[in-house]
Amino acid sequence: MSSGDSARARTGADMLESDVERLQVSIQEQLETFLPHLRASGYNEEPTIKAVLTNITPQGFQVEFPDYGAGFNVTLEGGWFHRRRPS
């Protein structure tokens, strides 16, 4: 590649970016299931909610909402997206 990046590295970076975007959409789609717990912990319909990805497993993702002391498992419809192969 003219940038000096390897094609494999560029493809990996593109896949990771796609994965992050898909995870963000999944969190937003599943937010309704989290809201009762967040409201019980002080969420008052603020327009922005901070979420932190804390763990990735073959079954899904763990996301923490640190401002409310709450964490949830997030699943992806259709399962895991870009499976990584061991190097």
C-alpha atoms as a PDB file:
ATOM      1  CA  MET A   1       0.000   0.000   0.000  1.00  0.00           C
ATOM      2  CA  SER A   2       1.277   3.474  -0.779  1.00  0.00           C
ATOM      3  CA  SER A   3       0.813   4.578   2.848  1.00  0.00           C
ATOM      4  CA  GLY A   4       3.362   2.000   3.996  1.00  0.00           C
ATOM      5  CA  ASP A   5       0.726  -0.010   5.875  1.00  0.00           C
ATOM      6  CA  SER A   6       0.431  -3.685   5.144  1.00  0.00           C
ATOM      7  CA  ALA A   7      -2.769  -4.824   3.487  1.00  0.00           C
ATOM      8  CA  ARG A   8      -3.352  -7.275   6.344  1.00  0.00           C
ATOM      9  CA  ALA A   9      -3.027  -4.520   8.967  1.00  0.00           C
ATOM     10  CA  ARG A  10      -5.342  -2.214   7.029  1.00  0.00           C
ATOM     11  CA  THR A  11      -7.939  -4.965   6.631  1.00  0.00           C
ATOM     12  CA  GLY A  12      -7.715  -5.767  10.347  1.00  0.00           C
ATOM     13  CA  ALA A  13      -8.175  -2.111  11.262  1.00  0.00           C
ATOM     14  CA  ASP A  14     -11.182  -1.815   8.935  1.00  0.00           C
ATOM     15  CA  MET A  15     -12.750  -4.923  10.477  1.00  0.00           C
ATOM     16  CA  LEU A  16     -12.178  -3.586  13.991  1.00  0.00           C
ATOM     17  CA  GLU A  17     -13.792  -0.263  13.103  1.00  0.00           C
ATOM     18  CA  SER A  18     -16.785  -2.123  11.679  1.00  0.00           C
ATOM     19  CA  ASP A  19     -16.996  -4.257  14.837  1.00  0.00           C
ATOM     20  CA  VAL A  20     -17.009  -1.195  17.100  1.00  0.00           C
ATOM     21  CA  GLU A  21     -19.736   0.471  15.044  1.00  0.00           C
ATOM     22  CA  ARG A  22     -21.869  -2.676  15.164  1.00  0.00           C
ATOM     23  CA  LEU A  23     -21.372  -3.008  18.913  1.00  0.00           C
ATOM     24  CA  GLN A  24     -22.429   0.615  19.437  1.00  0.00           C
ATOM     25  CA  VAL A  25     -25.604   0.031  17.422  1.00  0.00           C
ATOM     26  CA  SER A  26     -26.325  -3.143  19.423  1.00  0.00           C
ATOM     27  CA  ILE A  27     -25.962  -1.272  22.721  1.00  0.00           C
ATOM     28  CA  GLN A  28     -28.323   1.433  21.484  1.00  0.00           C
ATOM     29  CA  GLU A  29     -30.840  -1.158  20.290  1.00  0.00           C
ATOM     30  CA  GLN A  30     -30.756  -2.966  23.656  1.00  0.00           C
ATOM     31  CA  LEU A  31     -30.790   0.193  25.762  1.00  0.00           C
ATOM     32  CA  GLU A  32     -34.510  -0.137  26.526  1.00  0.00           C
ATOM     33  CA  THR A  33     -33.792  -3.338  28.446  1.00  0.00           C
ATOM     34  CA  PHE A  34     -31.148  -1.540  30.538  1.00  0.00           C
ATOM     35  CA  LEU A  35     -33.159   1.613  31.301  1.00  0.00           C
ATOM     36  CA  PRO A  36     -35.210   0.294  34.262  1.00  0.00           C
ATOM     37  CA  HIS A  37     -31.964  -0.647  36.038  1.00  0.00           C
ATOM     38  CA  LEU A  38     -30.291   2.635  35.120  1.00  0.00           C
ATOM     39  CA  ARG A  39     -33.297   4.648  36.320  1.00  0.00           C
ATOM     40  CA  ALA A  40     -33.223   2.780  39.634  1.00  0.00           C
ATOM     41  CA  SER A  41     -29.572   3.846  39.929  1.00  0.00           C
ATOM     42  CA  GLY A  42     -30.215   7.536  39.271  1.00  0.00           C
ATOM     43  CA  TYR A  43     -30.562   7.951  35.513  1.00  0.00           C
ATOM     44  CA  ASN A  44     -32.943  10.850  34.868  1.00  0.00           C
ATOM     45  CA  GLU A  45     -33.288  10.767  31.067  1.00  0.00           C
ATOM     46  CA  GLU A  46     -30.052  12.659  30.440  1.00  0.00           C
ATOM     47  CA  PRO A  47     -29.430  12.904  26.679  1.00  0.00           C
ATOM     48  CA  THR A  48     -26.034  11.184  26.933  1.00  0.00           C
ATOM     49  CA  ILE A  49     -25.133   7.981  28.744  1.00  0.00           C
ATOM     50  CA  LYS A  50     -21.512   6.935  29.206  1.00  0.00           C
ATOM     51  CA  ALA A  51     -20.926   3.248  28.457  1.00  0.00           C
ATOM     52  CA  VAL A  52     -17.583   1.450  28.734  1.00  0.00           C
ATOM     53  CA  LEU A  53     -16.744  -1.867  27.118  1.00  0.00           C
ATOM     54  CA  THR A  54     -15.194  -3.933  29.901  1.00  0.00           C
ATOM     55  CA  ASN A  55     -14.952  -7.468  28.513  1.00  0.00           C
ATOM     56  CA  ILE A  56     -15.239  -9.402  25.274  1.00  0.00           C
ATOM     57  CA  THR A  57     -16.067 -13.100  25.281  1.00  0.00           C
ATOM     58  CA  PRO A  58     -17.168 -15.544  22.597  1.00  0.00           C
ATOM     59  CA  GLN A  59     -20.716 -15.191  23.976  1.00  0.00           C
ATOM     60  CA  GLY A  60     -20.900 -11.410  23.866  1.00  0.00           C
ATOM     61  CA  PHE A  61     -19.747  -8.236  25.526  1.00  0.00           C
ATOM     62  CA  GLN A  62     -19.901  -6.746  28.982  1.00  0.00           C
ATOM     63  CA  VAL A  63     -20.674  -3.052  29.097  1.00  0.00           C
ATOM     64  CA  GLU A  64     -20.504  -0.890  32.215  1.00  0.00           C
ATOM     65  CA  PHE A  65     -22.416   2.318  32.823  1.00  0.00           C
ATOM     66  CA  PRO A  66     -20.036   3.819  35.406  1.00  0.00           C
ATOM     67  CA  ASP A  67     -22.174   6.839  36.302  1.00  0.00           C
ATOM     68  CA  TYR A  68     -24.865   4.442  37.523  1.00  0.00           C
ATOM     69  CA  GLY A  69     -22.806   1.553  38.872  1.00  0.00           C
ATOM     70  CA  ALA A  70     -24.456  -0.853  36.465  1.00  0.00           C
ATOM     71  CA  GLY A  71     -23.156  -3.412  33.996  1.00  0.00           C
ATOM     72  CA  PHE A  72     -24.874  -5.556  31.398  1.00  0.00           C
ATOM     73  CA  ASN A  73     -24.166  -8.260  28.877  1.00  0.00           C
ATOM     74  CA  VAL A  74     -24.706  -7.157  25.304  1.00  0.00           C
ATOM     75  CA  THR A  75     -25.468  -9.730  22.665  1.00  0.00           C
ATOM     76  CA  LEU A  76     -25.238  -9.371  18.928  1.00  0.00           C
ATOM     77  CA  GLU A  77     -28.025 -10.569  16.706  1.00  0.00           C
ATOM     78  CA  GLY A  78     -26.525 -13.149  14.418  1.00  0.00           C
ATOM     79  CA  GLY A  79     -23.642 -13.776  16.810  1.00  0.00           C
ATOM     80  CA  TRP A  80     -20.086 -12.596  16.791  1.00  0.00           C
ATOM     81  CA  PHE A  81     -19.071 -10.569  13.782  1.00  0.00           C
ATOM     82  CA  HIS A  82     -15.384 -10.701  12.730  1.00  0.00           C
ATOM     83  CA  ARG A  83     -13.949 -13.731  14.503  1.00  0.00           C
ATOM     84  CA  ARG A  84     -10.277 -13.397  15.151  1.00  0.00           C
ATOM     85  CA  ARG A  85      -7.963 -16.270  14.348  1.00  0.00           C
ATOM     86  CA  PRO A  86      -4.987 -16.914  16.601  1.00  0.00           C
ATOM     87  CA  SER A  87      -1.749 -15.515  15.146  1.00  0.00           C
END
